Amino acid sequence: GLLFHDLRRSAVRNMVQKAGVSQAEAMKISGHKTVSMFLRYNIID
């Protein structure tokens, strides 16, 4: 039941919230083209 995009969400959260990667750098790495879509993936626990 694990979705591939579950890993993308986890990667975004880990980059920004845990590792301190900037939003711009995380967007480049994750392939998000818009801030609004990126923010949908940047879930907060």
PDB file of all heavy atoms in Angstrom:
ATOM      1  N   GLY A   1       0.793  -1.223   0.000  1.00  0.00           N
ATOM      2  CA  GLY A   1       0.000   0.000   0.000  1.00  0.00           C
ATOM      3  C   GLY A   1       0.826   1.273   0.000  1.00  0.00           C
ATOM      4  O   GLY A   1       0.289   2.362  -0.171  1.00  0.00           O
ATOM      5  N   LEU A   2       2.141   1.154   0.186  1.00  0.00           N
ATOM      6  CA  LEU A   2       2.998   2.335   0.160  1.00  0.00           C
ATOM      7  C   LEU A   2       3.026   2.888  -1.257  1.00  0.00           C
ATOM      8  O   LEU A   2       3.231   2.150  -2.209  1.00  0.00           O
ATOM      9  CB  LEU A   2       4.422   1.975   0.599  1.00  0.00           C
ATOM     10  CG  LEU A   2       5.437   3.120   0.606  1.00  0.00           C
ATOM     11  CD1 LEU A   2       5.136   4.083   1.752  1.00  0.00           C
ATOM     12  CD2 LEU A   2       6.851   2.582   0.746  1.00  0.00           C
ATOM     13  N   LEU A   3       2.789   4.178  -1.390  1.00  0.00           N
ATOM     14  CA  LEU A   3       2.808   4.823  -2.700  1.00  0.00           C
ATOM     15  C   LEU A   3       4.181   5.414  -2.963  1.00  0.00           C
ATOM     16  O   LEU A   3       4.861   5.865  -2.036  1.00  0.00           O
ATOM     17  CB  LEU A   3       1.761   5.941  -2.755  1.00  0.00           C
ATOM     18  CG  LEU A   3       0.322   5.522  -2.480  1.00  0.00           C
ATOM     19  CD1 LEU A   3      -0.582   6.743  -2.459  1.00  0.00           C
ATOM     20  CD2 LEU A   3      -0.150   4.501  -3.494  1.00  0.00           C
ATOM     21  N   PHE A   4       4.560   5.433  -4.213  1.00  0.00           N
ATOM     22  CA  PHE A   4       5.852   6.010  -4.578  1.00  0.00           C
ATOM     23  C   PHE A   4       5.934   7.464  -4.115  1.00  0.00           C
ATOM     24  O   PHE A   4       6.951   7.913  -3.621  1.00  0.00           O
ATOM     25  CB  PHE A   4       6.066   5.910  -6.091  1.00  0.00           C
ATOM     26  CG  PHE A   4       7.400   6.417  -6.536  1.00  0.00           C
ATOM     27  CD1 PHE A   4       8.550   5.702  -6.260  1.00  0.00           C
ATOM     28  CD2 PHE A   4       7.513   7.622  -7.211  1.00  0.00           C
ATOM     29  CE1 PHE A   4       9.794   6.163  -6.657  1.00  0.00           C
ATOM     30  CE2 PHE A   4       8.750   8.084  -7.621  1.00  0.00           C
ATOM     31  CZ  PHE A   4       9.889   7.355  -7.337  1.00  0.00           C
ATOM     32  N   HIS A   5       4.837   8.202  -4.244  1.00  0.00           N
ATOM     33  CA  HIS A   5       4.846   9.606  -3.844  1.00  0.00           C
ATOM     34  C   HIS A   5       4.927   9.782  -2.328  1.00  0.00           C
ATOM     35  O   HIS A   5       5.244  10.870  -1.856  1.00  0.00           O
ATOM     36  CB  HIS A   5       3.639  10.342  -4.435  1.00  0.00           C
ATOM     37  CG  HIS A   5       3.901  10.806  -5.826  1.00  0.00           C
ATOM     38  ND1 HIS A   5       3.804   9.973  -6.915  1.00  0.00           N
ATOM     39  CD2 HIS A   5       4.320  11.994  -6.293  1.00  0.00           C
ATOM     40  CE1 HIS A   5       4.121  10.644  -7.997  1.00  0.00           C
ATOM     41  NE2 HIS A   5       4.441  11.870  -7.659  1.00  0.00           N
ATOM     42  N   ASP A   6       4.630   8.727  -1.559  1.00  0.00           N
ATOM     43  CA  ASP A   6       4.857   8.800  -0.110  1.00  0.00           C
ATOM     44  C   ASP A   6       6.332   9.056   0.161  1.00  0.00           C
ATOM     45  O   ASP A   6       6.689   9.788   1.086  1.00  0.00           O
ATOM     46  CB  ASP A   6       4.426   7.510   0.590  1.00  0.00           C
ATOM     47  CG  ASP A   6       2.918   7.294   0.564  1.00  0.00           C
ATOM     48  OD1 ASP A   6       2.176   8.283   0.390  1.00  0.00           O
ATOM     49  OD2 ASP A   6       2.498   6.137   0.722  1.00  0.00           O
ATOM     50  N   LEU A   7       7.202   8.466  -0.639  1.00  0.00           N
ATOM     51  CA  LEU A   7       8.639   8.656  -0.473  1.00  0.00           C
ATOM     52  C   LEU A   7       9.046  10.075  -0.858  1.00  0.00           C
ATOM     53  O   LEU A   7       9.938  10.658  -0.248  1.00  0.00           O
ATOM     54  CB  LEU A   7       9.416   7.630  -1.307  1.00  0.00           C
ATOM     55  CG  LEU A   7       9.133   6.162  -0.979  1.00  0.00           C
ATOM     56  CD1 LEU A   7       9.953   5.259  -1.869  1.00  0.00           C
ATOM     57  CD2 LEU A   7       9.400   5.874   0.477  1.00  0.00           C
ATOM     58  N   ARG A   8       8.365  10.627  -1.857  1.00  0.00           N
ATOM     59  CA  ARG A   8       8.662  12.003  -2.260  1.00  0.00           C
ATOM     60  C   ARG A   8       8.294  12.962  -1.130  1.00  0.00           C
ATOM     61  O   ARG A   8       9.031  13.885  -0.820  1.00  0.00           O
ATOM     62  CB  ARG A   8       7.891  12.343  -3.533  1.00  0.00           C
ATOM     63  CG  ARG A   8       8.360  13.604  -4.224  1.00  0.00           C
ATOM     64  CD  ARG A   8       7.592  13.814  -5.511  1.00  0.00           C
ATOM     65  NE  ARG A   8       8.201  14.853  -6.323  1.00  0.00           N
ATOM     66  CZ  ARG A   8       7.558  15.513  -7.260  1.00  0.00           C
ATOM     67  NH1 ARG A   8       6.295  15.231  -7.527  1.00  0.00           N
ATOM     68  NH2 ARG A   8       8.156  16.445  -7.957  1.00  0.00           N
ATOM     69  N   ARG A   9       7.140  12.717  -0.499  1.00  0.00           N
ATOM     70  CA  ARG A   9       6.740  13.555   0.636  1.00  0.00           C
ATOM     71  C   ARG A   9       7.753  13.451   1.762  1.00  0.00           C
ATOM     72  O   ARG A   9       8.152  14.445   2.356  1.00  0.00           O
ATOM     73  CB  ARG A   9       5.363  13.136   1.152  1.00  0.00           C
ATOM     74  CG  ARG A   9       4.231  13.588   0.303  1.00  0.00           C
ATOM     75  CD  ARG A   9       2.886  13.236   0.955  1.00  0.00           C
ATOM     76  NE  ARG A   9       1.851  13.283  -0.028  1.00  0.00           N
ATOM     77  CZ  ARG A   9       1.397  12.234  -0.694  1.00  0.00           C
ATOM     78  NH1 ARG A   9       1.877  11.036  -0.470  1.00  0.00           N
ATOM     79  NH2 ARG A   9       0.450  12.369  -1.592  1.00  0.00           N
ATOM     80  N   SER A  10       8.158  12.232   2.065  1.00  0.00           N
ATOM     81  CA  SER A  10       9.139  12.033   3.137  1.00  0.00           C
ATOM     82  C   SER A  10      10.460  12.706   2.805  1.00  0.00           C
ATOM     83  O   SER A  10      11.090  13.310   3.671  1.00  0.00           O
ATOM     84  CB  SER A  10       9.377  10.537   3.371  1.00  0.00           C
ATOM     85  OG  SER A  10       8.191   9.937   3.845  1.00  0.00           O
ATOM     86  N   ALA A  11      10.871  12.614   1.545  1.00  0.00           N
ATOM     87  CA  ALA A  11      12.133  13.225   1.143  1.00  0.00           C
ATOM     88  C   ALA A  11      12.074  14.738   1.293  1.00  0.00           C
ATOM     89  O   ALA A  11      13.004  15.359   1.823  1.00  0.00           O
ATOM     90  CB  ALA A  11      12.465  12.850  -0.303  1.00  0.00           C
ATOM     91  N   VAL A  12      10.971  15.350   0.872  1.00  0.00           N
ATOM     92  CA  VAL A  12      10.823  16.804   0.998  1.00  0.00           C
ATOM     93  C   VAL A  12      10.845  17.205   2.464  1.00  0.00           C
ATOM     94  O   VAL A  12      11.545  18.135   2.864  1.00  0.00           O
ATOM     95  CB  VAL A  12       9.534  17.285   0.292  1.00  0.00           C
ATOM     96  CG1 VAL A  12       9.190  18.714   0.675  1.00  0.00           C
ATOM     97  CG2 VAL A  12       9.682  17.174  -1.220  1.00  0.00           C
ATOM     98  N   ARG A  13      10.073  16.496   3.288  1.00  0.00           N
ATOM     99  CA  ARG A  13      10.033  16.808   4.722  1.00  0.00           C
ATOM    100  C   ARG A  13      11.420  16.663   5.341  1.00  0.00           C
ATOM    101  O   ARG A  13      11.873  17.534   6.084  1.00  0.00           O
ATOM    102  CB  ARG A  13       9.046  15.888   5.450  1.00  0.00           C
ATOM    103  CG  ARG A  13       8.934  16.212   6.940  1.00  0.00           C
ATOM    104  CD  ARG A  13       8.152  15.179   7.721  1.00  0.00           C
ATOM    105  NE  ARG A  13       8.878  13.930   7.718  1.00  0.00           N
ATOM    106  CZ  ARG A  13       8.359  12.759   7.383  1.00  0.00           C
ATOM    107  NH1 ARG A  13       7.116  12.650   7.011  1.00  0.00           N
ATOM    108  NH2 ARG A  13       9.093  11.671   7.412  1.00  0.00           N
ATOM    109  N   ASN A  14      12.115  15.593   5.020  1.00  0.00           N
ATOM    110  CA  ASN A  14      13.441  15.363   5.598  1.00  0.00           C
ATOM    111  C   ASN A  14      14.445  16.417   5.142  1.00  0.00           C
ATOM    112  O   ASN A  14      15.259  16.885   5.940  1.00  0.00           O
ATOM    113  CB  ASN A  14      13.943  13.968   5.250  1.00  0.00           C
ATOM    114  CG  ASN A  14      13.170  12.893   5.976  1.00  0.00           C
ATOM    115  OD1 ASN A  14      12.519  13.143   6.982  1.00  0.00           O
ATOM    116  ND2 ASN A  14      13.229  11.682   5.461  1.00  0.00           N
ATOM    117  N   MET A  15      14.376  16.802   3.867  1.00  0.00           N
ATOM    118  CA  MET A  15      15.317  17.810   3.376  1.00  0.00           C
ATOM    119  C   MET A  15      15.122  19.141   4.095  1.00  0.00           C
ATOM    120  O   MET A  15      16.078  19.735   4.597  1.00  0.00           O
ATOM    121  CB  MET A  15      15.139  18.024   1.863  1.00  0.00           C
ATOM    122  CG  MET A  15      15.786  16.960   1.019  1.00  0.00           C
ATOM    123  SD  MET A  15      15.765  17.390  -0.738  1.00  0.00           S
ATOM    124  CE  MET A  15      14.087  17.008  -1.204  1.00  0.00           C
ATOM    125  N   VAL A  16      13.878  19.615   4.136  1.00  0.00           N
ATOM    126  CA  VAL A  16      13.611  20.956   4.647  1.00  0.00           C
ATOM    127  C   VAL A  16      13.603  20.992   6.168  1.00  0.00           C
ATOM    128  O   VAL A  16      14.259  21.828   6.788  1.00  0.00           O
ATOM    129  CB  VAL A  16      12.276  21.491   4.083  1.00  0.00           C
ATOM    130  CG1 VAL A  16      11.912  22.830   4.699  1.00  0.00           C
ATOM    131  CG2 VAL A  16      12.370  21.620   2.568  1.00  0.00           C
ATOM    132  N   GLN A  17      12.864  20.086   6.791  1.00  0.00           N
ATOM    133  CA  GLN A  17      12.647  20.161   8.232  1.00  0.00           C
ATOM    134  C   GLN A  17      13.745  19.496   9.053  1.00  0.00           C
ATOM    135  O   GLN A  17      14.036  19.943  10.158  1.00  0.00           O
ATOM    136  CB  GLN A  17      11.301  19.537   8.586  1.00  0.00           C
ATOM    137  CG  GLN A  17      10.141  20.296   7.976  1.00  0.00           C
ATOM    138  CD  GLN A  17       8.825  19.588   8.183  1.00  0.00           C
ATOM    139  OE1 GLN A  17       8.642  18.879   9.163  1.00  0.00           O
ATOM    140  NE2 GLN A  17       7.907  19.764   7.256  1.00  0.00           N
ATOM    141  N   LYS A  18      14.325  18.465   8.542  1.00  0.00           N
ATOM    142  CA  LYS A  18      15.314  17.728   9.330  1.00  0.00           C
ATOM    143  C   LYS A  18      16.750  18.122   8.968  1.00  0.00           C
ATOM    144  O   LYS A  18      17.578  18.305   9.838  1.00  0.00           O
ATOM    145  CB  LYS A  18      15.144  16.227   9.141  1.00  0.00           C
ATOM    146  CG  LYS A  18      13.728  15.722   9.318  1.00  0.00           C
ATOM    147  CD  LYS A  18      13.456  15.285  10.707  1.00  0.00           C
ATOM    148  CE  LYS A  18      12.089  14.607  10.738  1.00  0.00           C
ATOM    149  NZ  LYS A  18      11.301  14.894  11.835  1.00  0.00           N
ATOM    150  N   ALA A  19      17.035  18.245   7.659  1.00  0.00           N
ATOM    151  CA  ALA A  19      18.405  18.499   7.217  1.00  0.00           C
ATOM    152  C   ALA A  19      18.700  19.977   6.998  1.00  0.00           C
ATOM    153  O   ALA A  19      19.855  20.352   6.828  1.00  0.00           O
ATOM    154  CB  ALA A  19      18.690  17.721   5.928  1.00  0.00           C
ATOM    155  N   GLY A  20      17.672  20.821   6.977  1.00  0.00           N
ATOM    156  CA  GLY A  20      17.891  22.244   6.815  1.00  0.00           C
ATOM    157  C   GLY A  20      18.213  22.682   5.393  1.00  0.00           C
ATOM    158  O   GLY A  20      18.770  23.748   5.177  1.00  0.00           O
ATOM    159  N   VAL A  21      17.831  21.887   4.404  1.00  0.00           N
ATOM    160  CA  VAL A  21      18.036  22.252   3.007  1.00  0.00           C
ATOM    161  C   VAL A  21      17.049  23.375   2.676  1.00  0.00           C
ATOM    162  O   VAL A  21      15.895  23.338   3.105  1.00  0.00           O
ATOM    163  CB  VAL A  21      17.800  21.029   2.086  1.00  0.00           C
ATOM    164  CG1 VAL A  21      17.835  21.407   0.623  1.00  0.00           C
ATOM    165  CG2 VAL A  21      18.804  19.936   2.393  1.00  0.00           C
ATOM    166  N   SER A  22      17.484  24.374   1.941  1.00  0.00           N
ATOM    167  CA  SER A  22      16.592  25.484   1.603  1.00  0.00           C
ATOM    168  C   SER A  22      15.456  24.993   0.708  1.00  0.00           C
ATOM    169  O   SER A  22      15.575  23.986   0.003  1.00  0.00           O
ATOM    170  CB  SER A  22      17.361  26.595   0.892  1.00  0.00           C
ATOM    171  OG  SER A  22      17.637  26.222  -0.448  1.00  0.00           O
ATOM    172  N   GLN A  23      14.354  25.749   0.737  1.00  0.00           N
ATOM    173  CA  GLN A  23      13.203  25.393  -0.079  1.00  0.00           C
ATOM    174  C   GLN A  23      13.567  25.360  -1.559  1.00  0.00           C
ATOM    175  O   GLN A  23      13.185  24.429  -2.277  1.00  0.00           O
ATOM    176  CB  GLN A  23      12.067  26.377   0.151  1.00  0.00           C
ATOM    177  CG  GLN A  23      10.836  26.091  -0.682  1.00  0.00           C
ATOM    178  CD  GLN A  23       9.705  27.034  -0.383  1.00  0.00           C
ATOM    179  OE1 GLN A  23       9.402  27.317   0.759  1.00  0.00           O
ATOM    180  NE2 GLN A  23       9.069  27.540  -1.426  1.00  0.00           N
ATOM    181  N   ALA A  24      14.331  26.351  -2.013  1.00  0.00           N
ATOM    182  CA  ALA A  24      14.712  26.406  -3.432  1.00  0.00           C
ATOM    183  C   ALA A  24      15.529  25.177  -3.829  1.00  0.00           C
ATOM    184  O   ALA A  24      15.305  24.583  -4.889  1.00  0.00           O
ATOM    185  CB  ALA A  24      15.498  27.679  -3.712  1.00  0.00           C
ATOM    186  N   GLU A  25      16.485  24.785  -2.989  1.00  0.00           N
ATOM    187  CA  GLU A  25      17.309  23.612  -3.295  1.00  0.00           C
ATOM    188  C   GLU A  25      16.472  22.340  -3.268  1.00  0.00           C
ATOM    189  O   GLU A  25      16.608  21.475  -4.134  1.00  0.00           O
ATOM    190  CB  GLU A  25      18.459  23.511  -2.299  1.00  0.00           C
ATOM    191  CG  GLU A  25      19.489  24.607  -2.457  1.00  0.00           C
ATOM    192  CD  GLU A  25      20.459  24.677  -1.295  1.00  0.00           C
ATOM    193  OE1 GLU A  25      20.070  24.337  -0.158  1.00  0.00           O
ATOM    194  OE2 GLU A  25      21.607  25.084  -1.524  1.00  0.00           O
ATOM    195  N   ALA A  26      15.588  22.225  -2.277  1.00  0.00           N
ATOM    196  CA  ALA A  26      14.728  21.038  -2.180  1.00  0.00           C
ATOM    197  C   ALA A  26      13.801  20.940  -3.387  1.00  0.00           C
ATOM    198  O   ALA A  26      13.546  19.835  -3.882  1.00  0.00           O
ATOM    199  CB  ALA A  26      13.923  21.076  -0.885  1.00  0.00           C
ATOM    200  N   MET A  27      13.314  22.079  -3.866  1.00  0.00           N
ATOM    201  CA  MET A  27      12.457  22.060  -5.059  1.00  0.00           C
ATOM    202  C   MET A  27      13.224  21.571  -6.276  1.00  0.00           C
ATOM    203  O   MET A  27      12.687  20.815  -7.086  1.00  0.00           O
ATOM    204  CB  MET A  27      11.870  23.453  -5.323  1.00  0.00           C
ATOM    205  CG  MET A  27      10.766  23.835  -4.363  1.00  0.00           C
ATOM    206  SD  MET A  27      10.103  25.484  -4.671  1.00  0.00           S
ATOM    207  CE  MET A  27       9.320  25.259  -6.266  1.00  0.00           C
ATOM    208  N   LYS A  28      14.475  21.970  -6.402  1.00  0.00           N
ATOM    209  CA  LYS A  28      15.303  21.505  -7.523  1.00  0.00           C
ATOM    210  C   LYS A  28      15.497  19.993  -7.443  1.00  0.00           C
ATOM    211  O   LYS A  28      15.404  19.281  -8.432  1.00  0.00           O
ATOM    212  CB  LYS A  28      16.672  22.183  -7.504  1.00  0.00           C
ATOM    213  CG  LYS A  28      16.664  23.593  -7.980  1.00  0.00           C
ATOM    214  CD  LYS A  28      16.761  23.630  -9.479  1.00  0.00           C
ATOM    215  CE  LYS A  28      17.004  25.057  -9.926  1.00  0.00           C
ATOM    216  NZ  LYS A  28      16.878  25.204 -11.341  1.00  0.00           N
ATOM    217  N   ILE A  29      15.804  19.514  -6.235  1.00  0.00           N
ATOM    218  CA  ILE A  29      16.062  18.092  -6.040  1.00  0.00           C
ATOM    219  C   ILE A  29      14.804  17.265  -6.280  1.00  0.00           C
ATOM    220  O   ILE A  29      14.847  16.231  -6.947  1.00  0.00           O
ATOM    221  CB  ILE A  29      16.622  17.836  -4.626  1.00  0.00           C
ATOM    222  CG1 ILE A  29      18.010  18.471  -4.488  1.00  0.00           C
ATOM    223  CG2 ILE A  29      16.656  16.344  -4.309  1.00  0.00           C
ATOM    224  CD1 ILE A  29      18.504  18.563  -3.054  1.00  0.00           C
ATOM    225  N   SER A  30      13.668  17.719  -5.739  1.00  0.00           N
ATOM    226  CA  SER A  30      12.430  16.940  -5.829  1.00  0.00           C
ATOM    227  C   SER A  30      11.718  17.116  -7.165  1.00  0.00           C
ATOM    228  O   SER A  30      10.819  16.346  -7.491  1.00  0.00           O
ATOM    229  CB  SER A  30      11.482  17.325  -4.690  1.00  0.00           C
ATOM    230  OG  SER A  30      11.067  18.676  -4.826  1.00  0.00           O
ATOM    231  N   GLY A  31      12.104  18.142  -7.926  1.00  0.00           N
ATOM    232  CA  GLY A  31      11.494  18.348  -9.229  1.00  0.00           C
ATOM    233  C   GLY A  31      10.213  19.157  -9.201  1.00  0.00           C
ATOM    234  O   GLY A  31       9.504  19.233 -10.202  1.00  0.00           O
ATOM    235  N   HIS A  32       9.901  19.789  -8.071  1.00  0.00           N
ATOM    236  CA  HIS A  32       8.701  20.617  -8.001  1.00  0.00           C
ATOM    237  C   HIS A  32       8.958  21.939  -8.727  1.00  0.00           C
ATOM    238  O   HIS A  32       9.937  22.616  -8.460  1.00  0.00           O
ATOM    239  CB  HIS A  32       8.314  20.877  -6.543  1.00  0.00           C
ATOM    240  CG  HIS A  32       7.757  19.677  -5.872  1.00  0.00           C
ATOM    241  ND1 HIS A  32       8.506  18.894  -5.026  1.00  0.00           N
ATOM    242  CD2 HIS A  32       6.533  19.118  -5.929  1.00  0.00           C
ATOM    243  CE1 HIS A  32       7.754  17.894  -4.590  1.00  0.00           C
ATOM    244  NE2 HIS A  32       6.558  18.012  -5.122  1.00  0.00           N
ATOM    245  N   LYS A  33       8.039  22.296  -9.610  1.00  0.00           N
ATOM    246  CA  LYS A  33       8.210  23.509 -10.404  1.00  0.00           C
ATOM    247  C   LYS A  33       7.525  24.718  -9.768  1.00  0.00           C
ATOM    248  O   LYS A  33       7.887  25.853 -10.041  1.00  0.00           O
ATOM    249  CB  LYS A  33       7.680  23.283 -11.811  1.00  0.00           C
ATOM    250  CG  LYS A  33       8.552  22.308 -12.603  1.00  0.00           C
ATOM    251  CD  LYS A  33       7.994  22.101 -13.999  1.00  0.00           C
ATOM    252  CE  LYS A  33       8.892  21.260 -14.860  1.00  0.00           C
ATOM    253  NZ  LYS A  33       8.985  19.879 -14.489  1.00  0.00           N
ATOM    254  N   THR A  34       6.511  24.490  -8.943  1.00  0.00           N
ATOM    255  CA  THR A  34       5.797  25.602  -8.310  1.00  0.00           C
ATOM    256  C   THR A  34       5.867  25.477  -6.797  1.00  0.00           C
ATOM    257  O   THR A  34       5.893  24.372  -6.247  1.00  0.00           O
ATOM    258  CB  THR A  34       4.313  25.644  -8.729  1.00  0.00           C
ATOM    259  OG1 THR A  34       3.659  24.470  -8.235  1.00  0.00           O
ATOM    260  CG2 THR A  34       4.165  25.727 -10.247  1.00  0.00           C
ATOM    261  N   VAL A  35       5.866  26.625  -6.130  1.00  0.00           N
ATOM    262  CA  VAL A  35       5.909  26.649  -4.667  1.00  0.00           C
ATOM    263  C   VAL A  35       4.644  26.022  -4.097  1.00  0.00           C
ATOM    264  O   VAL A  35       4.697  25.275  -3.111  1.00  0.00           O
ATOM    265  CB  VAL A  35       6.084  28.100  -4.155  1.00  0.00           C
ATOM    266  CG1 VAL A  35       5.933  28.167  -2.645  1.00  0.00           C
ATOM    267  CG2 VAL A  35       7.438  28.640  -4.574  1.00  0.00           C
ATOM    268  N   SER A  36       3.500  26.282  -4.730  1.00  0.00           N
ATOM    269  CA  SER A  36       2.244  25.741  -4.199  1.00  0.00           C
ATOM    270  C   SER A  36       2.257  24.207  -4.189  1.00  0.00           C
ATOM    271  O   SER A  36       1.821  23.585  -3.215  1.00  0.00           O
ATOM    272  CB  SER A  36       1.043  26.259  -4.984  1.00  0.00           C
ATOM    273  OG  SER A  36       1.117  25.865  -6.340  1.00  0.00           O
ATOM    274  N   MET A  37       2.776  23.599  -5.242  1.00  0.00           N
ATOM    275  CA  MET A  37       2.843  22.133  -5.264  1.00  0.00           C
ATOM    276  C   MET A  37       3.870  21.633  -4.260  1.00  0.00           C
ATOM    277  O   MET A  37       3.646  20.646  -3.565  1.00  0.00           O
ATOM    278  CB  MET A  37       3.177  21.629  -6.667  1.00  0.00           C
ATOM    279  CG  MET A  37       3.132  20.113  -6.782  1.00  0.00           C
ATOM    280  SD  MET A  37       1.563  19.391  -6.262  1.00  0.00           S
ATOM    281  CE  MET A  37       0.615  19.568  -7.746  1.00  0.00           C
ATOM    282  N   PHE A  38       4.982  22.316  -4.156  1.00  0.00           N
ATOM    283  CA  PHE A  38       6.004  21.933  -3.187  1.00  0.00           C
ATOM    284  C   PHE A  38       5.429  21.955  -1.774  1.00  0.00           C
ATOM    285  O   PHE A  38       5.651  21.033  -0.992  1.00  0.00           O
ATOM    286  CB  PHE A  38       7.201  22.890  -3.272  1.00  0.00           C
ATOM    287  CG  PHE A  38       8.266  22.599  -2.259  1.00  0.00           C
ATOM    288  CD1 PHE A  38       9.187  21.593  -2.476  1.00  0.00           C
ATOM    289  CD2 PHE A  38       8.330  23.320  -1.081  1.00  0.00           C
ATOM    290  CE1 PHE A  38      10.165  21.312  -1.537  1.00  0.00           C
ATOM    291  CE2 PHE A  38       9.306  23.047  -0.134  1.00  0.00           C
ATOM    292  CZ  PHE A  38      10.227  22.042  -0.369  1.00  0.00           C
ATOM    293  N   LEU A  39       4.668  22.990  -1.453  1.00  0.00           N
ATOM    294  CA  LEU A  39       4.100  23.105  -0.110  1.00  0.00           C
ATOM    295  C   LEU A  39       3.100  21.986   0.190  1.00  0.00           C
ATOM    296  O   LEU A  39       2.943  21.589   1.341  1.00  0.00           O
ATOM    297  CB  LEU A  39       3.448  24.478   0.073  1.00  0.00           C
ATOM    298  CG  LEU A  39       4.427  25.651   0.083  1.00  0.00           C
ATOM    299  CD1 LEU A  39       3.679  26.974   0.157  1.00  0.00           C
ATOM    300  CD2 LEU A  39       5.437  25.525   1.207  1.00  0.00           C
ATOM    301  N   ARG A  40       2.452  21.467  -0.834  1.00  0.00           N
ATOM    302  CA  ARG A  40       1.547  20.324  -0.628  1.00  0.00           C
ATOM    303  C   ARG A  40       2.331  19.079  -0.201  1.00  0.00           C
ATOM    304  O   ARG A  40       1.816  18.223   0.501  1.00  0.00           O
ATOM    305  CB  ARG A  40       0.763  20.025  -1.900  1.00  0.00           C
ATOM    306  CG  ARG A  40      -0.290  21.074  -2.188  1.00  0.00           C
ATOM    307  CD  ARG A  40      -1.028  20.787  -3.460  1.00  0.00           C
ATOM    308  NE  ARG A  40      -1.706  19.507  -3.405  1.00  0.00           N
ATOM    309  CZ  ARG A  40      -2.331  18.977  -4.440  1.00  0.00           C
ATOM    310  NH1 ARG A  40      -2.349  19.596  -5.595  1.00  0.00           N
ATOM    311  NH2 ARG A  40      -2.936  17.803  -4.333  1.00  0.00           N
ATOM    312  N   TYR A  41       3.585  18.990  -0.647  1.00  0.00           N
ATOM    313  CA  TYR A  41       4.418  17.847  -0.295  1.00  0.00           C
ATOM    314  C   TYR A  41       5.170  18.054   1.015  1.00  0.00           C
ATOM    315  O   TYR A  41       5.590  17.105   1.639  1.00  0.00           O
ATOM    316  CB  TYR A  41       5.429  17.560  -1.415  1.00  0.00           C
ATOM    317  CG  TYR A  41       4.847  16.723  -2.517  1.00  0.00           C
ATOM    318  CD1 TYR A  41       4.062  17.292  -3.512  1.00  0.00           C
ATOM    319  CD2 TYR A  41       5.062  15.357  -2.562  1.00  0.00           C
ATOM    320  CE1 TYR A  41       3.519  16.535  -4.515  1.00  0.00           C
ATOM    321  CE2 TYR A  41       4.524  14.580  -3.570  1.00  0.00           C
ATOM    322  CZ  TYR A  41       3.746  15.175  -4.539  1.00  0.00           C
ATOM    323  OH  TYR A  41       3.215  14.409  -5.531  1.00  0.00           O
ATOM    324  N   ASN A  42       5.374  19.291   1.415  1.00  0.00           N
ATOM    325  CA  ASN A  42       6.147  19.587   2.618  1.00  0.00           C
ATOM    326  C   ASN A  42       5.260  19.439   3.851  1.00  0.00           C
ATOM    327  O   ASN A  42       4.892  20.412   4.498  1.00  0.00           O
ATOM    328  CB  ASN A  42       6.742  20.990   2.538  1.00  0.00           C
ATOM    329  CG  ASN A  42       7.738  21.247   3.650  1.00  0.00           C
ATOM    330  OD1 ASN A  42       8.204  20.320   4.297  1.00  0.00           O
ATOM    331  ND2 ASN A  42       8.064  22.497   3.864  1.00  0.00           N
ATOM    332  N   ILE A  43       4.895  18.197   4.152  1.00  0.00           N
ATOM    333  CA  ILE A  43       4.020  17.922   5.283  1.00  0.00           C
ATOM    334  C   ILE A  43       4.770  18.156   6.591  1.00  0.00           C
ATOM    335  O   ILE A  43       5.981  18.005   6.658  1.00  0.00           O
ATOM    336  CB  ILE A  43       3.461  16.479   5.235  1.00  0.00           C
ATOM    337  CG1 ILE A  43       4.593  15.469   5.171  1.00  0.00           C
ATOM    338  CG2 ILE A  43       2.510  16.318   4.072  1.00  0.00           C
ATOM    339  CD1 ILE A  43       4.172  14.037   5.254  1.00  0.00           C
ATOM    340  N   ILE A  44       4.027  18.545   7.582  1.00  0.00           N
ATOM    341  CA  ILE A  44       4.632  18.842   8.880  1.00  0.00           C
ATOM    342  C   ILE A  44       4.097  17.833   9.887  1.00  0.00           C
ATOM    343  O   ILE A  44       2.882  17.660  10.036  1.00  0.00           O
ATOM    344  CB  ILE A  44       4.299  20.281   9.310  1.00  0.00           C
ATOM    345  CG1 ILE A  44       4.864  21.254   8.284  1.00  0.00           C
ATOM    346  CG2 ILE A  44       4.821  20.564  10.700  1.00  0.00           C
ATOM    347  CD1 ILE A  44       4.441  22.675   8.472  1.00  0.00           C
ATOM    348  N   ASP A  45       4.995  17.185  10.608  1.00  0.00           N
ATOM    349  CA  ASP A  45       4.574  16.218  11.608  1.00  0.00           C
ATOM    350  C   ASP A  45       4.528  16.874  12.984  1.00  0.00           C
ATOM    351  O   ASP A  45       4.969  18.002  13.175  1.00  0.00           O
ATOM    352  CB  ASP A  45       5.485  14.984  11.599  1.00  0.00           C
ATOM    353  CG  ASP A  45       6.950  15.315  11.838  1.00  0.00           C
ATOM    354  OD1 ASP A  45       7.273  16.452  12.210  1.00  0.00           O
ATOM    355  OD2 ASP A  45       7.782  14.418  11.649  1.00  0.00           O
TER     356      ASP A  45
END
